[in-house]
Amino acid sequence: MAGIEDPTDRLTSVLRPVRAGNGFEEALEQILRVVRLGLVPGGDRLPPERELADRIGISRVTLREVLKVLQEQGLVESRRGRYGGTFVMDRPATGDGDELRRRVASVDIEDALRFREALEVGAAGLCAAHGLSEEGTERLRAALAATHDAPLADYRRQDTLFHLTLAELSGSPTLTTQYATVRATVNELLDCIPLLVRNLEHSQRQHTALVEAVLAGDAARARETAREHCEGTAALLRGFLT
C-alpha cells in the first residue's frame, strides 16, 4: 500500500535557505511562489512557523513579518485555536490578478532586472574606482539624505533620484541614459506591488552602505552592495509578479 504523500514534500523544490543580506525579501519571494504555484491549495494550511523558518533559514520574527505582508495582500489568513495556523486563501477567478497580468505582459521582467543590476553595479564600481569630486560627494550625500527624509508616498521617487544620481556620477552619459530607460521600466513594475516598510528600511541600510563604500573608494564592496541591493528588489518583483 502506497504511503500518504506528505504535503510539505511538495515544497522542497521551492523552499530553501536564503542567502545572507536579503532574508526578508527572498523569504517573501519563496512563500509567494508556494502560494501562486498552488503547492499549498486554497483552504489548506502552510507548514507551522517553526518548520517554515527552519527550512528558509530565517528567524520566526522575520517569518511573521513575511506572513503579515501576505495577509495584508489577501493571500493568507491567520486562524487561532487548536486547529489554527496560517491558511492559504482561495484565489478569485478574475479581478485584480488579471489586471496585473495585463499590465506586466509586455515587460520582459528578467531582462529588465538583469540590465538594471548590470548598470547599477557598474555605476557603483566606477564611482568608487575613479572617486568623486567634492561637488559629486555633496550630490550623493544629499540624494541619500532625501531618501531618508522622504514620506512614504514620495519614497520611490526619491529612491529613483538617488540611483540616477549615482549613474550620473559614474562619468558615462551613455550609462546614465540607459539607466534612466531601464529604471522607468522597473518603476512600472514596482508600482504593481505594495510598499513594504521592512523592505524600505532594509533598502535604506543598503543605500547607506553603498555610499560609504563609494566614498571610501572601495570598488569591490560598492559593486557587491549594489548587486545585493538589486537582488533584494528583484526577489520582491519576482515573488509578486511571476
C-alpha atoms as a PDB file:
ATOM      1  CA  MET A   1       0.000   0.000   0.000  1.00  0.00           C
ATOM      2  CA  ALA A   2       1.432   3.362  -1.039  1.00  0.00           C
ATOM      3  CA  GLY A   3       2.100   5.835   1.703  1.00  0.00           C
ATOM      4  CA  ILE A   4       0.196   9.075   2.049  1.00  0.00           C
ATOM      5  CA  GLU A   5       2.107  11.987   0.499  1.00  0.00           C
ATOM      6  CA  ASP A   6       3.436  14.489   2.991  1.00  0.00           C
ATOM      7  CA  PRO A   7       2.246  17.894   1.667  1.00  0.00           C
ATOM      8  CA  THR A   8       5.471  19.515   2.849  1.00  0.00           C
ATOM      9  CA  ASP A   9       7.389  17.344   0.330  1.00  0.00           C
ATOM     10  CA  ARG A  10       5.863  19.411  -2.467  1.00  0.00           C
ATOM     11  CA  LEU A  11       7.645  22.467  -1.105  1.00  0.00           C
ATOM     12  CA  THR A  12      11.166  21.043  -1.257  1.00  0.00           C
ATOM     13  CA  SER A  13      11.864  22.458  -4.726  1.00  0.00           C
ATOM     14  CA  VAL A  14      10.788  25.966  -3.687  1.00  0.00           C
ATOM     15  CA  LEU A  15      11.725  26.454  -0.044  1.00  0.00           C
ATOM     16  CA  ARG A  16      15.458  26.675   0.562  1.00  0.00           C
ATOM     17  CA  PRO A  17      17.787  28.541   2.927  1.00  0.00           C
ATOM     18  CA  VAL A  18      18.059  32.186   1.896  1.00  0.00           C
ATOM     19  CA  ARG A  19      21.376  33.907   1.379  1.00  0.00           C
ATOM     20  CA  ALA A  20      22.652  36.483   3.818  1.00  0.00           C
ATOM     21  CA  GLY A  21      21.662  40.035   3.057  1.00  0.00           C
ATOM     22  CA  ASN A  22      18.104  39.821   1.734  1.00  0.00           C
ATOM     23  CA  GLY A  23      16.424  37.365   4.100  1.00  0.00           C
ATOM     24  CA  PHE A  24      13.049  39.105   4.273  1.00  0.00           C
ATOM     25  CA  GLU A  25      12.794  39.716   0.530  1.00  0.00           C
ATOM     26  CA  GLU A  26      13.933  36.238  -0.504  1.00  0.00           C
ATOM     27  CA  ALA A  27      11.698  34.544   2.066  1.00  0.00           C
ATOM     28  CA  LEU A  28       8.741  36.559   0.790  1.00  0.00           C
ATOM     29  CA  GLU A  29       9.601  35.566  -2.780  1.00  0.00           C
ATOM     30  CA  GLN A  30       9.691  31.867  -1.872  1.00  0.00           C
ATOM     31  CA  ILE A  31       6.421  31.791   0.056  1.00  0.00           C
ATOM     32  CA  LEU A  32       4.691  33.864  -2.627  1.00  0.00           C
ATOM     33  CA  ARG A  33       5.828  31.253  -5.134  1.00  0.00           C
ATOM     34  CA  VAL A  34       4.395  28.473  -2.963  1.00  0.00           C
ATOM     35  CA  VAL A  35       1.043  30.263  -2.930  1.00  0.00           C
ATOM     36  CA  ARG A  36       0.990  31.278  -6.597  1.00  0.00           C
ATOM     37  CA  LEU A  37       2.039  27.828  -7.837  1.00  0.00           C
ATOM     38  CA  GLY A  38      -0.730  26.260  -5.797  1.00  0.00           C
ATOM     39  CA  LEU A  39       1.711  23.999  -3.933  1.00  0.00           C
ATOM     40  CA  VAL A  40      -0.496  24.610  -0.918  1.00  0.00           C
ATOM     41  CA  PRO A  41      -4.076  24.762  -2.264  1.00  0.00           C
ATOM     42  CA  GLY A  42      -6.585  27.377  -1.177  1.00  0.00           C
ATOM     43  CA  GLY A  43      -8.058  26.452   2.172  1.00  0.00           C
ATOM     44  CA  ASP A  44      -5.034  24.384   3.209  1.00  0.00           C
ATOM     45  CA  ARG A  45      -2.581  25.317   5.927  1.00  0.00           C
ATOM     46  CA  LEU A  46       1.029  26.324   5.415  1.00  0.00           C
ATOM     47  CA  PRO A  47       3.613  24.380   7.425  1.00  0.00           C
ATOM     48  CA  PRO A  48       3.980  25.536  11.035  1.00  0.00           C
ATOM     49  CA  GLU A  49       6.001  28.694  11.636  1.00  0.00           C
ATOM     50  CA  ARG A  50       8.896  26.855  13.254  1.00  0.00           C
ATOM     51  CA  GLU A  51       9.206  24.470  10.313  1.00  0.00           C
ATOM     52  CA  LEU A  52       8.934  27.248   7.712  1.00  0.00           C
ATOM     53  CA  ALA A  53      11.514  29.399   9.486  1.00  0.00           C
ATOM     54  CA  ASP A  54      13.927  26.473   9.760  1.00  0.00           C
ATOM     55  CA  ARG A  55      13.539  25.483   6.111  1.00  0.00           C
ATOM     56  CA  ILE A  56      14.105  29.015   4.847  1.00  0.00           C
ATOM     57  CA  GLY A  57      16.788  29.826   7.392  1.00  0.00           C
ATOM     58  CA  ILE A  58      15.232  32.933   8.914  1.00  0.00           C
ATOM     59  CA  SER A  59      14.058  33.919  12.373  1.00  0.00           C
ATOM     60  CA  ARG A  60      10.419  33.462  13.343  1.00  0.00           C
ATOM     61  CA  VAL A  61      10.191  37.236  13.785  1.00  0.00           C
ATOM     62  CA  THR A  62      11.163  37.740  10.139  1.00  0.00           C
ATOM     63  CA  LEU A  63       8.799  34.973   9.054  1.00  0.00           C
ATOM     64  CA  ARG A  64       5.906  36.642  10.875  1.00  0.00           C
ATOM     65  CA  GLU A  65       6.646  39.888   9.042  1.00  0.00           C
ATOM     66  CA  VAL A  66       6.524  37.971   5.759  1.00  0.00           C
ATOM     67  CA  LEU A  67       3.221  36.326   6.686  1.00  0.00           C
ATOM     68  CA  LYS A  68       1.812  39.700   7.709  1.00  0.00           C
ATOM     69  CA  VAL A  69       2.521  41.043   4.217  1.00  0.00           C
ATOM     70  CA  LEU A  70       0.785  38.040   2.651  1.00  0.00           C
ATOM     71  CA  GLN A  71      -2.188  38.536   4.956  1.00  0.00           C
ATOM     72  CA  GLU A  72      -2.429  42.224   4.061  1.00  0.00           C
ATOM     73  CA  GLN A  73      -2.459  41.229   0.390  1.00  0.00           C
ATOM     74  CA  GLY A  74      -5.342  38.831   0.993  1.00  0.00           C
ATOM     75  CA  LEU A  75      -3.282  35.760   0.134  1.00  0.00           C
ATOM     76  CA  VAL A  76      -3.348  34.049   3.523  1.00  0.00           C
ATOM     77  CA  GLU A  77      -5.282  34.298   6.745  1.00  0.00           C
ATOM     78  CA  SER A  78      -4.293  33.525  10.317  1.00  0.00           C
ATOM     79  CA  ARG A  79      -6.574  31.353  12.450  1.00  0.00           C
ATOM     80  CA  ARG A  80      -6.225  30.776  16.154  1.00  0.00           C
ATOM     81  CA  GLY A  81      -7.062  27.806  18.269  1.00  0.00           C
ATOM     82  CA  ARG A  82      -6.175  24.154  18.382  1.00  0.00           C
ATOM     83  CA  TYR A  83      -6.566  23.777  14.623  1.00  0.00           C
ATOM     84  CA  GLY A  84      -5.226  27.209  13.792  1.00  0.00           C
ATOM     85  CA  GLY A  85      -2.284  28.329  11.728  1.00  0.00           C
ATOM     86  CA  THR A  86      -1.739  30.235   8.500  1.00  0.00           C
ATOM     87  CA  PHE A  87      -4.126  29.190   5.731  1.00  0.00           C
ATOM     88  CA  VAL A  88      -3.899  29.969   2.025  1.00  0.00           C
ATOM     89  CA  MET A  89      -6.907  31.885   0.742  1.00  0.00           C
ATOM     90  CA  ASP A  90      -8.834  30.745  -2.321  1.00  0.00           C
ATOM     91  CA  ARG A  91      -7.812  32.856  -5.304  1.00  0.00           C
ATOM     92  CA  PRO A  92     -10.613  34.562  -7.256  1.00  0.00           C
ATOM     93  CA  ALA A  93     -11.010  33.504 -10.871  1.00  0.00           C
ATOM     94  CA  THR A  94     -10.966  37.094 -12.127  1.00  0.00           C
ATOM     95  CA  GLY A  95     -10.205  40.525 -10.770  1.00  0.00           C
ATOM     96  CA  ASP A  96      -7.051  42.386  -9.790  1.00  0.00           C
ATOM     97  CA  GLY A  97      -4.817  39.426 -10.679  1.00  0.00           C
ATOM     98  CA  ASP A  98      -5.984  39.553 -14.290  1.00  0.00           C
ATOM     99  CA  GLU A  99      -5.416  43.281 -14.445  1.00  0.00           C
ATOM    100  CA  LEU A 100      -1.943  42.840 -13.014  1.00  0.00           C
ATOM    101  CA  ARG A 101      -1.077  40.252 -15.643  1.00  0.00           C
ATOM    102  CA  ARG A 102      -2.237  42.609 -18.401  1.00  0.00           C
ATOM    103  CA  ARG A 103      -0.083  45.433 -17.053  1.00  0.00           C
ATOM    104  CA  VAL A 104       3.137  43.395 -16.963  1.00  0.00           C
ATOM    105  CA  ALA A 105       2.515  41.216 -20.028  1.00  0.00           C
ATOM    106  CA  SER A 106       4.537  43.482 -22.320  1.00  0.00           C
ATOM    107  CA  VAL A 107       7.555  43.645 -19.980  1.00  0.00           C
ATOM    108  CA  ASP A 108      10.397  41.118 -20.008  1.00  0.00           C
ATOM    109  CA  ILE A 109      10.865  41.198 -16.257  1.00  0.00           C
ATOM    110  CA  GLU A 110      14.053  39.132 -16.137  1.00  0.00           C
ATOM    111  CA  ASP A 111      15.718  41.186 -18.847  1.00  0.00           C
ATOM    112  CA  ALA A 112      14.837  44.463 -17.118  1.00  0.00           C
ATOM    113  CA  LEU A 113      16.054  43.255 -13.732  1.00  0.00           C
ATOM    114  CA  ARG A 114      19.343  41.898 -15.058  1.00  0.00           C
ATOM    115  CA  PHE A 115      20.061  45.003 -17.115  1.00  0.00           C
ATOM    116  CA  ARG A 116      19.275  47.197 -14.133  1.00  0.00           C
ATOM    117  CA  GLU A 117      21.659  45.166 -11.981  1.00  0.00           C
ATOM    118  CA  ALA A 118      24.444  45.381 -14.574  1.00  0.00           C
ATOM    119  CA  LEU A 119      24.100  49.171 -14.798  1.00  0.00           C
ATOM    120  CA  GLU A 120      23.802  49.839 -11.066  1.00  0.00           C
ATOM    121  CA  VAL A 121      26.691  47.547 -10.168  1.00  0.00           C
ATOM    122  CA  GLY A 122      28.773  49.128 -12.915  1.00  0.00           C
ATOM    123  CA  ALA A 123      27.942  52.676 -11.852  1.00  0.00           C
ATOM    124  CA  ALA A 124      28.776  51.949  -8.216  1.00  0.00           C
ATOM    125  CA  GLY A 125      32.106  50.414  -9.172  1.00  0.00           C
ATOM    126  CA  LEU A 126      33.024  53.305 -11.449  1.00  0.00           C
ATOM    127  CA  CYS A 127      32.166  55.925  -8.837  1.00  0.00           C
ATOM    128  CA  ALA A 128      34.264  54.173  -6.217  1.00  0.00           C
ATOM    129  CA  ALA A 129      37.192  53.366  -8.502  1.00  0.00           C
ATOM    130  CA  HIS A 130      37.546  56.845 -10.008  1.00  0.00           C
ATOM    131  CA  GLY A 131      36.474  58.823  -6.953  1.00  0.00           C
ATOM    132  CA  LEU A 132      34.055  61.737  -6.719  1.00  0.00           C
ATOM    133  CA  SER A 133      34.706  65.433  -6.706  1.00  0.00           C
ATOM    134  CA  GLU A 134      33.668  67.491  -3.713  1.00  0.00           C
ATOM    135  CA  GLU A 135      30.552  68.533  -5.604  1.00  0.00           C
ATOM    136  CA  GLY A 136      29.810  64.926  -6.569  1.00  0.00           C
ATOM    137  CA  THR A 137      30.211  63.823  -2.959  1.00  0.00           C
ATOM    138  CA  GLU A 138      27.766  66.503  -1.828  1.00  0.00           C
ATOM    139  CA  ARG A 139      25.252  65.483  -4.509  1.00  0.00           C
ATOM    140  CA  LEU A 140      25.421  61.836  -3.493  1.00  0.00           C
ATOM    141  CA  ARG A 141      25.080  62.617   0.215  1.00  0.00           C
ATOM    142  CA  ALA A 142      22.132  64.916  -0.490  1.00  0.00           C
ATOM    143  CA  ALA A 143      20.398  62.267  -2.598  1.00  0.00           C
ATOM    144  CA  LEU A 144      20.883  59.735   0.184  1.00  0.00           C
ATOM    145  CA  ALA A 145      19.527  62.157   2.797  1.00  0.00           C
ATOM    146  CA  ALA A 146      16.461  62.798   0.628  1.00  0.00           C
ATOM    147  CA  THR A 147      15.582  59.110   0.668  1.00  0.00           C
ATOM    148  CA  HIS A 148      15.918  59.019   4.455  1.00  0.00           C
ATOM    149  CA  ASP A 149      13.665  62.069   4.859  1.00  0.00           C
ATOM    150  CA  ALA A 150      11.089  61.121   2.231  1.00  0.00           C
ATOM    151  CA  PRO A 151       7.498  60.425   3.314  1.00  0.00           C
ATOM    152  CA  LEU A 152       6.230  57.021   2.262  1.00  0.00           C
ATOM    153  CA  ALA A 153       4.246  58.382  -0.693  1.00  0.00           C
ATOM    154  CA  ASP A 154       7.372  60.054  -2.135  1.00  0.00           C
ATOM    155  CA  TYR A 155       9.875  57.334  -1.327  1.00  0.00           C
ATOM    156  CA  ARG A 156      10.067  55.644  -4.710  1.00  0.00           C
ATOM    157  CA  ARG A 157      10.641  58.946  -6.487  1.00  0.00           C
ATOM    158  CA  GLN A 158      13.497  59.827  -4.137  1.00  0.00           C
ATOM    159  CA  ASP A 159      14.874  56.304  -4.455  1.00  0.00           C
ATOM    160  CA  THR A 160      14.900  56.716  -8.235  1.00  0.00           C
ATOM    161  CA  LEU A 161      16.696  60.054  -7.947  1.00  0.00           C
ATOM    162  CA  PHE A 162      19.312  58.521  -5.643  1.00  0.00           C
ATOM    163  CA  HIS A 163      20.179  55.775  -8.104  1.00  0.00           C
ATOM    164  CA  LEU A 164      20.025  58.159 -11.070  1.00  0.00           C
ATOM    165  CA  THR A 165      22.483  60.437  -9.258  1.00  0.00           C
ATOM    166  CA  LEU A 166      24.864  57.507  -8.818  1.00  0.00           C
ATOM    167  CA  ALA A 167      24.580  56.730 -12.535  1.00  0.00           C
ATOM    168  CA  GLU A 168      25.260  60.357 -13.470  1.00  0.00           C
ATOM    169  CA  LEU A 169      28.320  60.455 -11.206  1.00  0.00           C
ATOM    170  CA  SER A 170      29.783  57.407 -12.959  1.00  0.00           C
ATOM    171  CA  GLY A 171      31.019  59.736 -15.691  1.00  0.00           C
ATOM    172  CA  SER A 172      29.301  57.836 -18.521  1.00  0.00           C
ATOM    173  CA  PRO A 173      26.417  59.715 -20.193  1.00  0.00           C
ATOM    174  CA  THR A 174      25.523  56.540 -22.113  1.00  0.00           C
ATOM    175  CA  LEU A 175      25.233  54.536 -18.903  1.00  0.00           C
ATOM    176  CA  THR A 176      23.078  57.297 -17.409  1.00  0.00           C
ATOM    177  CA  THR A 177      20.729  57.332 -20.395  1.00  0.00           C
ATOM    178  CA  GLN A 178      20.379  53.569 -20.422  1.00  0.00           C
ATOM    179  CA  TYR A 179      19.829  53.509 -16.674  1.00  0.00           C
ATOM    180  CA  ALA A 180      17.060  56.110 -16.890  1.00  0.00           C
ATOM    181  CA  THR A 181      15.313  53.962 -19.507  1.00  0.00           C
ATOM    182  CA  VAL A 182      15.505  50.682 -17.585  1.00  0.00           C
ATOM    183  CA  ARG A 183      14.626  52.380 -14.313  1.00  0.00           C
ATOM    184  CA  ALA A 184      11.407  53.696 -15.870  1.00  0.00           C
ATOM    185  CA  THR A 185      10.515  50.096 -16.726  1.00  0.00           C
ATOM    186  CA  VAL A 186      11.412  48.883 -13.242  1.00  0.00           C
ATOM    187  CA  ASN A 187       9.305  51.654 -11.695  1.00  0.00           C
ATOM    188  CA  GLU A 188       6.290  50.474 -13.691  1.00  0.00           C
ATOM    189  CA  LEU A 189       6.807  47.049 -12.145  1.00  0.00           C
ATOM    190  CA  LEU A 190       7.326  48.492  -8.658  1.00  0.00           C
ATOM    191  CA  ASP A 191       4.030  50.362  -8.988  1.00  0.00           C
ATOM    192  CA  CYS A 192       2.334  46.951  -9.228  1.00  0.00           C
ATOM    193  CA  ILE A 193       3.489  45.819  -5.780  1.00  0.00           C
ATOM    194  CA  PRO A 194       2.923  47.271  -2.310  1.00  0.00           C
ATOM    195  CA  LEU A 195       5.384  49.454  -0.422  1.00  0.00           C
ATOM    196  CA  LEU A 196       6.724  47.304   2.407  1.00  0.00           C
ATOM    197  CA  VAL A 197       8.156  49.192   5.362  1.00  0.00           C
ATOM    198  CA  ARG A 198      10.518  46.336   6.284  1.00  0.00           C
ATOM    199  CA  ASN A 199      11.926  46.324   2.759  1.00  0.00           C
ATOM    200  CA  LEU A 200      12.322  50.117   2.705  1.00  0.00           C
ATOM    201  CA  GLU A 201      14.221  50.075   5.994  1.00  0.00           C
ATOM    202  CA  HIS A 202      16.496  47.379   4.612  1.00  0.00           C
ATOM    203  CA  SER A 203      16.990  49.334   1.382  1.00  0.00           C
ATOM    204  CA  GLN A 204      17.979  52.400   3.353  1.00  0.00           C
ATOM    205  CA  ARG A 205      20.684  50.482   5.180  1.00  0.00           C
ATOM    206  CA  GLN A 206      21.967  49.220   1.837  1.00  0.00           C
ATOM    207  CA  HIS A 207      21.897  52.754   0.396  1.00  0.00           C
ATOM    208  CA  THR A 208      23.985  53.981   3.305  1.00  0.00           C
ATOM    209  CA  ALA A 209      26.462  51.123   2.962  1.00  0.00           C
ATOM    210  CA  LEU A 210      26.710  51.788  -0.769  1.00  0.00           C
ATOM    211  CA  VAL A 211      27.507  55.462  -0.284  1.00  0.00           C
ATOM    212  CA  GLU A 212      30.083  54.629   2.372  1.00  0.00           C
ATOM    213  CA  ALA A 213      31.803  52.159   0.027  1.00  0.00           C
ATOM    214  CA  VAL A 214      31.816  54.644  -2.853  1.00  0.00           C
ATOM    215  CA  LEU A 215      33.234  57.463  -0.759  1.00  0.00           C
ATOM    216  CA  ALA A 216      35.850  55.108   0.709  1.00  0.00           C
ATOM    217  CA  GLY A 217      36.989  54.216  -2.796  1.00  0.00           C
ATOM    218  CA  ASP A 218      36.231  50.526  -2.209  1.00  0.00           C
ATOM    219  CA  ALA A 219      35.052  49.467  -5.671  1.00  0.00           C
ATOM    220  CA  ALA A 220      34.653  45.769  -4.829  1.00  0.00           C
ATOM    221  CA  ARG A 221      32.467  46.497  -1.803  1.00  0.00           C
ATOM    222  CA  ALA A 222      30.472  49.109  -3.740  1.00  0.00           C
ATOM    223  CA  ARG A 223      29.740  46.632  -6.538  1.00  0.00           C
ATOM    224  CA  GLU A 224      28.792  43.866  -4.109  1.00  0.00           C
ATOM    225  CA  THR A 225      26.475  46.154  -2.108  1.00  0.00           C
ATOM    226  CA  ALA A 226      24.799  47.374  -5.291  1.00  0.00           C
ATOM    227  CA  ARG A 227      24.377  43.801  -6.524  1.00  0.00           C
ATOM    228  CA  GLU A 228      22.849  42.696  -3.221  1.00  0.00           C
ATOM    229  CA  HIS A 229      20.523  45.705  -3.244  1.00  0.00           C
ATOM    230  CA  CYS A 230      19.305  44.912  -6.758  1.00  0.00           C
ATOM    231  CA  GLU A 231      18.789  41.265  -5.848  1.00  0.00           C
ATOM    232  CA  GLY A 232      16.523  42.257  -2.961  1.00  0.00           C
ATOM    233  CA  THR A 233      14.272  44.297  -5.250  1.00  0.00           C
ATOM    234  CA  ALA A 234      14.331  41.553  -7.867  1.00  0.00           C
ATOM    235  CA  ALA A 235      13.237  38.977  -5.289  1.00  0.00           C
ATOM    236  CA  LEU A 236      10.175  41.050  -4.389  1.00  0.00           C
ATOM    237  CA  LEU A 237       9.210  41.658  -8.007  1.00  0.00           C
ATOM    238  CA  ARG A 238       9.603  38.007  -8.951  1.00  0.00           C
ATOM    239  CA  GLY A 239       7.577  36.991  -5.929  1.00  0.00           C
ATOM    240  CA  PHE A 240       4.663  39.288  -6.643  1.00  0.00           C
ATOM    241  CA  LEU A 241       4.660  39.366 -10.436  1.00  0.00           C
ATOM    242  CA  THR A 242       5.848  35.987 -11.737  1.00  0.00           C
END
